C-alpha cells in the first residue's frame, strides 16, 4: 500500500550543490543549494531565492561555480547553507575553506571540494527564482580520478539531500552499467 505525502519536494537523489561567487570587491561567498540539476547538455538550472548574497553576487558578476558537496566536507557544506552571507562576511573562512579563482569564469573554486562546474549566468527569473547557467568547464582534483582519468564517484563521495528525513546520504556504489544492462530486455 502506498502512502500519499501530497505535493512535496521529495526526489532521490537530490544533489547537494555548493554555489560559489565573488562580490563586486572580489570577496568569495558560497551557499548550499539542493534544488538544481542538469537541464541541457551544457546547462545547469537551480532554484535560488534572490535574497541570497550569492545570488546577488552572480547577478552582478555573471558567473558562478557549482561544487559537488562531499561526505568529508558535510559539516562545512551544511554550515554554508545555514549561515547567511548577508550577515556573515567571513563565511568561507568559518567553514574552513580556501578558494582559487577559476581560469574560465569570474568565480571561486573551493579547494576542499574536488569537483566543480564553472558557469556563466544565462538567465535568472526573479518570479520563479530559476537560475540557468552555461557550463563552461568541469574541473576535478586528481584525488577523485580513476586510472583512466575519469571522475570516480567512489573517490568523490558526493552527498545527496534526503528532504524526507532532513539528512545527507553518501552516493558512490555502482549497481549497474548505463546503456548496457537494459539490453537484456531488448
N, C-alpha and C. Protein backbone atom coordinates (compact mmCIF):
# COMPACT_ATOMS: atom_id res chain seq x y z
N UNK A 1 0.85 -1.18 0.00
CA UNK A 1 0.00 0.00 0.00
C UNK A 1 0.89 1.24 0.00
N UNK A 2 0.57 2.18 -0.84
CA UNK A 2 1.31 3.45 -0.92
C UNK A 2 0.76 4.44 0.09
N UNK A 3 1.64 5.30 0.57
CA UNK A 3 1.24 6.41 1.43
C UNK A 3 1.36 7.69 0.62
N UNK A 4 0.36 8.54 0.67
CA UNK A 4 0.38 9.81 -0.04
C UNK A 4 0.94 10.90 0.87
N UNK A 5 1.89 11.68 0.35
CA UNK A 5 2.51 12.77 1.11
C UNK A 5 2.06 14.14 0.63
N UNK A 6 1.33 14.20 -0.46
CA UNK A 6 0.95 15.50 -1.02
C UNK A 6 2.10 16.07 -1.84
N UNK A 7 1.95 17.32 -2.23
CA UNK A 7 2.97 17.97 -3.06
C UNK A 7 4.15 18.38 -2.19
N UNK A 8 5.25 17.66 -2.31
CA UNK A 8 6.47 17.90 -1.52
C UNK A 8 7.67 17.86 -2.47
N UNK A 9 8.78 18.51 -2.09
CA UNK A 9 9.99 18.46 -2.93
C UNK A 9 10.81 17.21 -2.65
N UNK A 10 10.21 16.04 -2.77
CA UNK A 10 10.88 14.78 -2.48
C UNK A 10 11.34 14.15 -3.78
N UNK A 11 12.64 14.02 -3.92
CA UNK A 11 13.23 13.41 -5.11
C UNK A 11 14.56 12.79 -4.71
N UNK A 12 14.81 11.60 -5.19
CA UNK A 12 16.08 10.93 -4.91
C UNK A 12 16.80 10.61 -6.20
N UNK A 13 18.09 10.82 -6.32
CA UNK A 13 18.89 11.63 -5.41
C UNK A 13 18.66 13.11 -5.68
N UNK A 14 18.85 13.90 -4.65
CA UNK A 14 18.73 15.35 -4.76
C UNK A 14 20.13 15.90 -4.44
N UNK A 15 20.85 16.34 -5.46
CA UNK A 15 22.25 16.73 -5.22
C UNK A 15 22.37 17.89 -4.24
N UNK A 16 23.47 17.88 -3.51
CA UNK A 16 23.80 18.99 -2.64
C UNK A 16 24.85 19.80 -3.39
N UNK A 17 24.43 20.97 -3.84
CA UNK A 17 25.27 21.82 -4.68
C UNK A 17 25.78 22.99 -3.85
N UNK A 18 27.07 23.25 -3.94
CA UNK A 18 27.65 24.40 -3.26
C UNK A 18 27.97 25.43 -4.34
N UNK A 19 27.21 26.52 -4.31
CA UNK A 19 27.29 27.55 -5.34
C UNK A 19 28.24 28.64 -4.86
N UNK A 20 29.30 28.89 -5.62
CA UNK A 20 30.31 29.88 -5.26
C UNK A 20 30.25 31.10 -6.16
N UNK A 21 30.55 32.26 -5.57
CA UNK A 21 30.54 33.51 -6.33
C UNK A 21 31.49 34.51 -5.69
N UNK A 22 31.79 35.55 -6.43
CA UNK A 22 32.53 36.71 -5.90
C UNK A 22 31.58 37.89 -5.84
N UNK A 23 31.79 38.76 -4.83
CA UNK A 23 31.05 40.01 -4.82
C UNK A 23 31.83 41.03 -5.66
N UNK A 24 31.34 42.24 -5.75
CA UNK A 24 31.95 43.27 -6.59
C UNK A 24 33.39 43.58 -6.18
N UNK A 25 33.73 43.34 -4.91
CA UNK A 25 35.08 43.60 -4.42
C UNK A 25 35.99 42.37 -4.55
N UNK A 26 35.47 41.28 -5.07
CA UNK A 26 36.27 40.07 -5.25
C UNK A 26 36.31 39.16 -4.05
N UNK A 27 35.41 39.37 -3.08
CA UNK A 27 35.34 38.50 -1.90
C UNK A 27 34.51 37.27 -2.22
N UNK A 28 35.02 36.07 -1.89
CA UNK A 28 34.27 34.86 -2.21
C UNK A 28 33.12 34.61 -1.24
N UNK A 29 32.08 33.96 -1.75
CA UNK A 29 30.93 33.56 -0.96
C UNK A 29 30.44 32.23 -1.53
N UNK A 30 29.74 31.47 -0.71
CA UNK A 30 29.17 30.21 -1.19
C UNK A 30 27.91 29.89 -0.40
N UNK A 31 27.02 29.17 -1.04
CA UNK A 31 25.79 28.73 -0.39
C UNK A 31 25.49 27.29 -0.77
N UNK A 32 24.73 26.63 0.06
CA UNK A 32 24.29 25.26 -0.16
C UNK A 32 22.93 25.32 -0.86
N UNK A 33 22.80 24.62 -1.97
CA UNK A 33 21.53 24.59 -2.72
C UNK A 33 21.20 23.13 -3.06
N UNK A 34 19.99 22.72 -2.76
CA UNK A 34 19.59 21.34 -3.03
C UNK A 34 18.67 21.23 -4.24
N UNK A 35 18.14 22.34 -4.71
CA UNK A 35 17.19 22.26 -5.81
C UNK A 35 17.84 22.68 -7.10
N UNK A 36 18.45 21.71 -7.78
CA UNK A 36 19.10 22.01 -9.04
C UNK A 36 19.49 20.74 -9.76
N UNK A 37 19.82 20.91 -11.04
CA UNK A 37 20.27 19.77 -11.83
C UNK A 37 20.59 20.18 -13.25
N UNK A 38 21.13 19.25 -13.99
CA UNK A 38 21.48 19.47 -15.39
C UNK A 38 20.18 19.59 -16.19
N UNK A 39 20.07 20.64 -16.99
CA UNK A 39 18.83 20.87 -17.73
C UNK A 39 19.05 20.85 -19.24
N UNK A 40 20.27 20.78 -19.67
CA UNK A 40 20.65 20.68 -21.08
C UNK A 40 22.08 20.15 -21.08
N UNK A 41 22.59 19.78 -22.22
CA UNK A 41 23.93 19.17 -22.25
C UNK A 41 25.01 20.10 -21.71
N UNK A 42 24.80 21.39 -21.74
CA UNK A 42 25.80 22.33 -21.23
C UNK A 42 25.15 23.38 -20.33
N UNK A 43 24.10 22.99 -19.60
CA UNK A 43 23.43 23.95 -18.71
C UNK A 43 23.05 23.30 -17.39
N UNK A 44 23.05 24.11 -16.36
CA UNK A 44 22.54 23.72 -15.05
C UNK A 44 21.45 24.71 -14.68
N UNK A 45 20.40 24.20 -14.07
CA UNK A 45 19.29 25.04 -13.61
C UNK A 45 19.13 24.83 -12.11
N UNK A 46 18.98 25.94 -11.39
CA UNK A 46 18.80 25.87 -9.93
C UNK A 46 17.69 26.81 -9.52
N UNK A 47 17.05 26.49 -8.42
CA UNK A 47 16.03 27.35 -7.84
C UNK A 47 16.67 28.05 -6.65
N UNK A 48 16.98 29.35 -6.82
CA UNK A 48 17.69 30.13 -5.80
C UNK A 48 16.99 31.46 -5.58
N UNK A 49 16.62 31.72 -4.34
CA UNK A 49 15.95 32.97 -3.99
C UNK A 49 16.90 34.16 -4.14
N UNK A 50 16.38 35.26 -4.65
CA UNK A 50 17.21 36.45 -4.86
C UNK A 50 17.68 37.10 -3.56
N UNK A 51 17.16 36.66 -2.43
CA UNK A 51 17.58 37.24 -1.15
C UNK A 51 18.97 36.76 -0.73
N UNK A 52 19.46 35.69 -1.35
CA UNK A 52 20.79 35.18 -1.01
C UNK A 52 21.89 36.11 -1.53
N UNK A 53 22.91 36.32 -0.73
CA UNK A 53 24.06 37.12 -1.15
C UNK A 53 24.71 36.51 -2.40
N UNK A 54 24.79 35.19 -2.42
CA UNK A 54 25.39 34.51 -3.57
C UNK A 54 24.64 34.86 -4.86
N UNK A 55 23.32 34.88 -4.81
CA UNK A 55 22.53 35.23 -6.00
C UNK A 55 22.78 36.67 -6.40
N UNK A 56 22.82 37.57 -5.43
CA UNK A 56 23.12 38.98 -5.73
C UNK A 56 24.48 39.09 -6.41
N UNK A 57 25.46 38.35 -5.90
CA UNK A 57 26.80 38.36 -6.50
C UNK A 57 26.77 37.87 -7.95
N UNK A 58 26.07 36.77 -8.16
CA UNK A 58 26.00 36.18 -9.51
C UNK A 58 25.35 37.16 -10.48
N UNK A 59 24.29 37.81 -10.05
CA UNK A 59 23.62 38.78 -10.92
C UNK A 59 24.55 39.95 -11.24
N UNK A 60 25.44 40.26 -10.32
CA UNK A 60 26.39 41.36 -10.52
C UNK A 60 27.57 40.95 -11.40
N UNK A 61 28.10 39.75 -11.18
CA UNK A 61 29.31 39.32 -11.90
C UNK A 61 29.03 38.47 -13.14
N UNK A 62 27.86 37.81 -13.18
CA UNK A 62 27.51 36.98 -14.33
C UNK A 62 28.20 35.63 -14.35
N UNK A 63 28.75 35.20 -13.20
CA UNK A 63 29.47 33.93 -13.17
C UNK A 63 29.33 33.25 -11.81
N UNK A 64 29.51 31.92 -11.80
CA UNK A 64 29.46 31.15 -10.56
C UNK A 64 30.07 29.78 -10.77
N UNK A 65 30.37 29.12 -9.67
CA UNK A 65 30.80 27.73 -9.71
C UNK A 65 29.78 26.90 -8.94
N UNK A 66 29.69 25.63 -9.29
CA UNK A 66 28.82 24.71 -8.58
C UNK A 66 29.68 23.49 -8.23
N UNK A 67 30.01 23.38 -6.94
CA UNK A 67 30.81 22.25 -6.47
C UNK A 67 29.89 21.17 -5.93
N UNK A 68 30.32 19.93 -6.06
CA UNK A 68 29.58 18.81 -5.50
C UNK A 68 29.96 18.73 -4.03
N UNK A 69 28.98 18.75 -3.14
CA UNK A 69 29.24 18.55 -1.72
C UNK A 69 29.69 17.11 -1.51
N UNK A 70 30.64 16.91 -0.62
CA UNK A 70 31.19 15.58 -0.39
C UNK A 70 31.04 15.15 1.06
N UNK A 71 31.12 13.84 1.28
CA UNK A 71 30.92 13.30 2.62
C UNK A 71 31.94 13.82 3.61
N UNK A 72 33.19 14.03 3.19
CA UNK A 72 34.20 14.50 4.14
C UNK A 72 34.06 16.00 4.46
N UNK A 73 33.23 16.71 3.72
CA UNK A 73 33.01 18.14 3.96
C UNK A 73 31.56 18.44 4.37
N UNK A 74 30.85 17.43 4.87
CA UNK A 74 29.43 17.58 5.16
C UNK A 74 29.16 18.68 6.19
N UNK A 75 30.00 18.83 7.20
CA UNK A 75 29.77 19.85 8.23
C UNK A 75 29.89 21.24 7.62
N UNK A 76 30.96 21.47 6.86
CA UNK A 76 31.15 22.78 6.22
C UNK A 76 30.06 23.04 5.18
N UNK A 77 29.67 22.01 4.43
CA UNK A 77 28.62 22.17 3.42
C UNK A 77 27.29 22.54 4.06
N UNK A 78 26.98 21.92 5.18
CA UNK A 78 25.74 22.24 5.89
C UNK A 78 25.83 23.66 6.46
N UNK A 79 26.99 24.01 7.00
CA UNK A 79 27.18 25.34 7.58
C UNK A 79 26.90 26.45 6.57
N UNK A 80 27.44 26.33 5.34
CA UNK A 80 27.23 27.41 4.36
C UNK A 80 25.79 27.48 3.88
N UNK A 81 25.00 26.46 4.20
CA UNK A 81 23.58 26.52 3.93
C UNK A 81 22.79 27.13 5.07
N UNK A 82 23.38 27.16 6.25
CA UNK A 82 22.71 27.72 7.42
C UNK A 82 23.09 29.18 7.66
N UNK A 83 24.35 29.52 7.45
CA UNK A 83 24.83 30.88 7.69
C UNK A 83 24.58 31.72 6.44
N UNK A 84 24.10 32.93 6.64
CA UNK A 84 23.82 33.83 5.51
C UNK A 84 25.02 34.73 5.24
N UNK A 85 25.42 34.80 3.99
CA UNK A 85 26.47 35.72 3.59
C UNK A 85 26.08 37.17 3.78
N UNK A 86 24.78 37.42 3.90
CA UNK A 86 24.31 38.78 4.17
C UNK A 86 24.67 39.22 5.60
N UNK A 87 24.84 38.24 6.50
CA UNK A 87 25.19 38.56 7.89
C UNK A 87 26.61 38.14 8.27
N UNK A 88 27.16 37.13 7.61
CA UNK A 88 28.48 36.59 7.97
C UNK A 88 29.43 36.83 6.81
N UNK A 89 30.29 37.85 6.96
CA UNK A 89 31.18 38.24 5.85
C UNK A 89 32.31 37.25 5.62
N UNK A 90 32.71 36.50 6.65
CA UNK A 90 33.82 35.54 6.52
C UNK A 90 33.31 34.10 6.57
N UNK A 91 32.19 33.86 5.92
CA UNK A 91 31.52 32.56 5.94
C UNK A 91 32.42 31.43 5.46
N UNK A 92 33.16 31.63 4.37
CA UNK A 92 34.02 30.57 3.85
C UNK A 92 35.17 30.28 4.80
N UNK A 93 35.71 31.32 5.40
CA UNK A 93 36.79 31.14 6.38
C UNK A 93 36.27 30.33 7.58
N UNK A 94 35.08 30.65 8.06
CA UNK A 94 34.48 29.91 9.18
C UNK A 94 34.17 28.47 8.79
N UNK A 95 33.91 28.24 7.51
CA UNK A 95 33.67 26.87 7.02
C UNK A 95 34.98 26.09 6.95
N UNK A 96 36.10 26.81 7.00
CA UNK A 96 37.40 26.15 6.89
C UNK A 96 37.84 25.95 5.45
N UNK A 97 37.25 26.72 4.55
CA UNK A 97 37.53 26.57 3.12
C UNK A 97 38.48 27.63 2.60
N UNK A 98 39.18 27.25 1.54
CA UNK A 98 40.07 28.13 0.80
C UNK A 98 39.60 28.14 -0.65
N UNK A 99 39.90 29.22 -1.35
CA UNK A 99 39.43 29.31 -2.74
C UNK A 99 40.56 29.64 -3.69
N UNK A 100 40.35 29.26 -4.93
CA UNK A 100 41.22 29.58 -6.06
C UNK A 100 40.33 30.12 -7.15
N UNK A 101 40.75 31.19 -7.80
CA UNK A 101 39.95 31.77 -8.89
C UNK A 101 39.91 30.82 -10.08
N UNK A 102 38.74 30.60 -10.60
CA UNK A 102 38.57 29.79 -11.81
C UNK A 102 39.32 30.44 -12.97
N UNK A 103 39.89 29.63 -13.83
CA UNK A 103 40.55 30.13 -15.04
C UNK A 103 39.55 30.41 -16.15
N UNK A 104 38.30 29.98 -15.95
CA UNK A 104 37.30 30.05 -17.01
C UNK A 104 36.22 31.10 -16.78
N UNK A 105 35.87 31.35 -15.51
CA UNK A 105 34.84 32.33 -15.18
C UNK A 105 35.27 33.12 -13.95
N UNK A 106 34.63 34.26 -13.73
CA UNK A 106 34.96 35.10 -12.59
C UNK A 106 34.23 34.61 -11.34
N UNK A 107 34.69 33.46 -10.82
CA UNK A 107 34.07 32.85 -9.65
C UNK A 107 35.11 31.96 -8.96
N UNK A 108 34.91 31.71 -7.67
CA UNK A 108 35.88 30.92 -6.92
C UNK A 108 35.64 29.42 -7.00
N UNK A 109 36.73 28.67 -7.07
CA UNK A 109 36.69 27.23 -6.87
C UNK A 109 37.01 26.99 -5.40
N UNK A 110 36.29 26.11 -4.75
CA UNK A 110 36.55 25.79 -3.35
C UNK A 110 37.53 24.63 -3.32
N UNK A 111 38.72 24.90 -2.79
CA UNK A 111 39.81 23.92 -2.84
C UNK A 111 39.44 22.59 -2.18
N UNK A 112 38.66 22.63 -1.12
CA UNK A 112 38.31 21.43 -0.37
C UNK A 112 37.22 20.59 -1.03
N UNK A 113 36.57 21.12 -2.04
CA UNK A 113 35.55 20.36 -2.78
C UNK A 113 36.14 20.02 -4.14
N UNK A 114 36.44 18.74 -4.39
CA UNK A 114 37.27 18.35 -5.53
C UNK A 114 36.64 18.35 -6.92
N UNK A 115 35.34 18.63 -7.04
CA UNK A 115 34.72 18.67 -8.37
C UNK A 115 33.82 19.89 -8.47
N UNK A 116 33.91 20.58 -9.61
CA UNK A 116 33.08 21.78 -9.78
C UNK A 116 32.72 22.01 -11.24
N UNK A 117 31.54 22.59 -11.42
CA UNK A 117 31.12 23.12 -12.71
C UNK A 117 31.43 24.61 -12.67
N UNK A 118 32.03 25.13 -13.72
CA UNK A 118 32.36 26.55 -13.81
C UNK A 118 31.41 27.15 -14.84
N UNK A 119 30.60 28.13 -14.41
CA UNK A 119 29.44 28.54 -15.19
C UNK A 119 29.35 30.04 -15.42
N UNK A 120 28.75 30.38 -16.57
CA UNK A 120 28.34 31.75 -16.88
C UNK A 120 26.83 31.82 -16.72
N UNK A 121 26.37 32.92 -16.16
CA UNK A 121 24.93 33.13 -16.00
C UNK A 121 24.27 33.29 -17.36
N UNK A 122 23.23 32.51 -17.61
CA UNK A 122 22.44 32.64 -18.83
C UNK A 122 21.21 33.48 -18.54
N UNK A 123 20.49 33.13 -17.45
CA UNK A 123 19.29 33.89 -17.11
C UNK A 123 18.92 33.67 -15.66
N UNK A 124 18.13 34.61 -15.16
CA UNK A 124 17.56 34.48 -13.82
C UNK A 124 16.17 35.08 -13.84
N UNK A 125 15.19 34.32 -13.37
CA UNK A 125 13.81 34.78 -13.32
C UNK A 125 13.47 35.06 -11.86
N UNK A 126 13.30 36.33 -11.51
CA UNK A 126 13.02 36.71 -10.12
C UNK A 126 11.70 36.13 -9.62
N UNK A 127 10.74 35.96 -10.52
CA UNK A 127 9.43 35.45 -10.11
C UNK A 127 9.49 33.98 -9.72
N UNK A 128 10.20 33.17 -10.49
CA UNK A 128 10.28 31.73 -10.22
C UNK A 128 11.55 31.34 -9.47
N UNK A 129 12.50 32.28 -9.34
CA UNK A 129 13.81 32.03 -8.71
C UNK A 129 14.63 31.02 -9.51
N UNK A 130 14.33 30.87 -10.78
CA UNK A 130 15.01 29.91 -11.65
C UNK A 130 16.26 30.56 -12.26
N UNK A 131 17.42 29.99 -11.91
CA UNK A 131 18.70 30.46 -12.45
C UNK A 131 19.24 29.40 -13.40
N UNK A 132 19.65 29.84 -14.59
CA UNK A 132 20.24 28.94 -15.57
C UNK A 132 21.65 29.40 -15.85
N UNK A 133 22.58 28.45 -15.82
CA UNK A 133 23.97 28.75 -16.11
C UNK A 133 24.50 27.88 -17.23
N UNK A 134 25.37 28.46 -18.04
CA UNK A 134 26.06 27.70 -19.08
C UNK A 134 27.31 27.09 -18.46
N UNK A 135 27.46 25.79 -18.59
CA UNK A 135 28.64 25.10 -18.07
C UNK A 135 29.79 25.35 -19.05
N UNK A 136 30.79 26.09 -18.61
CA UNK A 136 31.94 26.44 -19.43
C UNK A 136 33.04 25.39 -19.28
N UNK A 137 33.15 24.85 -18.07
CA UNK A 137 34.18 23.85 -17.78
C UNK A 137 33.76 23.03 -16.57
N UNK A 138 34.20 21.78 -16.55
CA UNK A 138 34.09 20.93 -15.37
C UNK A 138 35.51 20.62 -14.94
N UNK A 139 35.83 20.85 -13.67
CA UNK A 139 37.17 20.55 -13.19
C UNK A 139 37.09 19.58 -12.01
N UNK A 140 38.10 18.73 -11.89
CA UNK A 140 38.15 17.77 -10.80
C UNK A 140 39.60 17.57 -10.37
N UNK A 141 39.80 17.51 -9.08
CA UNK A 141 41.11 17.25 -8.50
C UNK A 141 41.54 15.82 -8.82
N UNK A 142 42.82 15.63 -9.00
CA UNK A 142 43.37 14.30 -9.31
C UNK A 142 43.03 13.24 -8.28
N UNK A 143 42.75 13.66 -7.05
CA UNK A 143 42.45 12.71 -5.98
C UNK A 143 41.14 11.96 -6.20
N UNK A 144 40.27 12.46 -7.08
CA UNK A 144 38.98 11.80 -7.32
C UNK A 144 38.90 11.19 -8.72
N UNK A 145 40.05 11.05 -9.38
CA UNK A 145 40.07 10.46 -10.71
C UNK A 145 40.48 8.99 -10.65
N UNK A 146 39.95 8.19 -11.58
CA UNK A 146 40.34 6.79 -11.67
C UNK A 146 41.58 6.65 -12.54
N UNK A 147 42.00 5.42 -12.80
CA UNK A 147 43.22 5.17 -13.57
C UNK A 147 43.12 5.64 -15.02
N UNK A 148 41.89 5.83 -15.53
CA UNK A 148 41.68 6.33 -16.90
C UNK A 148 41.59 7.85 -16.95
N UNK A 149 41.60 8.50 -15.78
CA UNK A 149 41.49 9.96 -15.74
C UNK A 149 40.06 10.46 -15.67
N UNK A 150 39.11 9.57 -15.41
CA UNK A 150 37.70 9.95 -15.27
C UNK A 150 37.35 10.16 -13.80
N UNK A 151 36.30 10.93 -13.55
CA UNK A 151 35.83 11.15 -12.18
C UNK A 151 35.28 9.83 -11.64
N UNK A 152 35.75 9.44 -10.47
CA UNK A 152 35.33 8.21 -9.81
C UNK A 152 34.41 8.57 -8.64
N UNK A 153 33.09 8.31 -8.77
CA UNK A 153 32.16 8.67 -7.70
C UNK A 153 32.52 8.04 -6.35
N UNK A 154 33.14 6.86 -6.36
CA UNK A 154 33.53 6.21 -5.11
C UNK A 154 34.63 6.99 -4.40
N UNK A 155 35.47 7.69 -5.16
CA UNK A 155 36.50 8.54 -4.57
C UNK A 155 35.95 9.92 -4.23
N UNK A 156 35.06 10.44 -5.07
CA UNK A 156 34.46 11.75 -4.85
C UNK A 156 33.55 11.73 -3.61
N UNK A 157 32.76 10.69 -3.47
CA UNK A 157 31.79 10.51 -2.37
C UNK A 157 30.85 11.71 -2.24
N UNK A 158 30.14 12.05 -3.35
CA UNK A 158 29.18 13.14 -3.28
C UNK A 158 28.01 12.77 -2.36
N UNK A 159 27.39 13.81 -1.81
CA UNK A 159 26.25 13.56 -0.94
C UNK A 159 24.97 14.03 -1.61
N UNK A 160 23.87 13.45 -1.16
CA UNK A 160 22.55 13.81 -1.63
C UNK A 160 21.73 14.25 -0.42
N UNK A 161 20.79 15.15 -0.65
CA UNK A 161 19.91 15.64 0.41
C UNK A 161 18.68 14.76 0.48
N UNK A 162 18.39 14.26 1.65
CA UNK A 162 17.18 13.47 1.91
C UNK A 162 16.19 14.41 2.58
N UNK A 163 15.32 15.03 1.78
CA UNK A 163 14.35 16.01 2.30
C UNK A 163 13.33 15.38 3.23
N UNK A 164 13.02 14.11 3.04
CA UNK A 164 12.04 13.43 3.87
C UNK A 164 12.52 13.34 5.31
N UNK A 165 13.80 13.04 5.50
CA UNK A 165 14.35 12.82 6.83
C UNK A 165 15.34 13.90 7.28
N UNK A 166 15.46 14.98 6.52
CA UNK A 166 16.42 16.06 6.82
C UNK A 166 17.80 15.49 7.10
N UNK A 167 18.31 14.75 6.12
CA UNK A 167 19.60 14.07 6.27
C UNK A 167 20.42 14.18 4.99
N UNK A 168 21.68 13.89 5.10
CA UNK A 168 22.57 13.78 3.95
C UNK A 168 22.98 12.32 3.81
N UNK A 169 22.97 11.83 2.59
CA UNK A 169 23.37 10.46 2.30
C UNK A 169 24.52 10.50 1.31
N UNK A 170 25.43 9.54 1.42
CA UNK A 170 26.55 9.49 0.50
C UNK A 170 26.21 8.60 -0.69
N UNK A 171 26.67 9.00 -1.86
CA UNK A 171 26.49 8.22 -3.09
C UNK A 171 27.82 7.57 -3.47
N UNK A 172 27.77 6.58 -4.32
CA UNK A 172 29.03 6.04 -4.81
C UNK A 172 29.05 4.59 -5.20
N UNK A 173 28.13 3.77 -4.70
CA UNK A 173 28.15 2.35 -5.01
C UNK A 173 27.63 2.11 -6.43
N UNK A 174 28.39 1.41 -7.24
CA UNK A 174 27.95 1.07 -8.59
C UNK A 174 27.02 -0.14 -8.53
N UNK A 175 25.86 -0.02 -9.19
CA UNK A 175 24.88 -1.11 -9.19
C UNK A 175 24.54 -1.61 -10.60
N UNK A 176 25.10 -0.98 -11.62
CA UNK A 176 24.80 -1.42 -12.98
C UNK A 176 25.58 -0.62 -14.00
N UNK A 177 25.35 -0.93 -15.28
CA UNK A 177 26.03 -0.28 -16.39
C UNK A 177 25.00 0.42 -17.28
N UNK A 178 25.12 1.74 -17.37
CA UNK A 178 24.17 2.53 -18.17
C UNK A 178 24.31 2.22 -19.65
N UNK A 179 23.19 2.24 -20.34
CA UNK A 179 23.11 2.00 -21.78
C UNK A 179 23.67 0.62 -22.15
N UNK A 180 23.60 -0.31 -21.22
CA UNK A 180 24.12 -1.64 -21.45
C UNK A 180 23.25 -2.71 -20.80
N UNK A 181 23.02 -2.61 -19.50
CA UNK A 181 22.29 -3.65 -18.78
C UNK A 181 20.87 -3.84 -19.31
N UNK A 182 20.25 -2.79 -19.79
CA UNK A 182 18.89 -2.88 -20.31
C UNK A 182 18.78 -3.70 -21.58
N UNK A 183 19.91 -3.95 -22.22
CA UNK A 183 19.88 -4.76 -23.46
C UNK A 183 19.34 -6.16 -23.21
N UNK A 184 19.37 -6.60 -21.97
CA UNK A 184 18.82 -7.92 -21.63
C UNK A 184 17.33 -7.99 -21.98
N UNK A 185 16.66 -6.83 -22.00
CA UNK A 185 15.22 -6.80 -22.28
C UNK A 185 14.91 -6.44 -23.73
N UNK A 186 15.91 -6.16 -24.52
CA UNK A 186 15.70 -5.75 -25.92
C UNK A 186 15.32 -6.94 -26.77
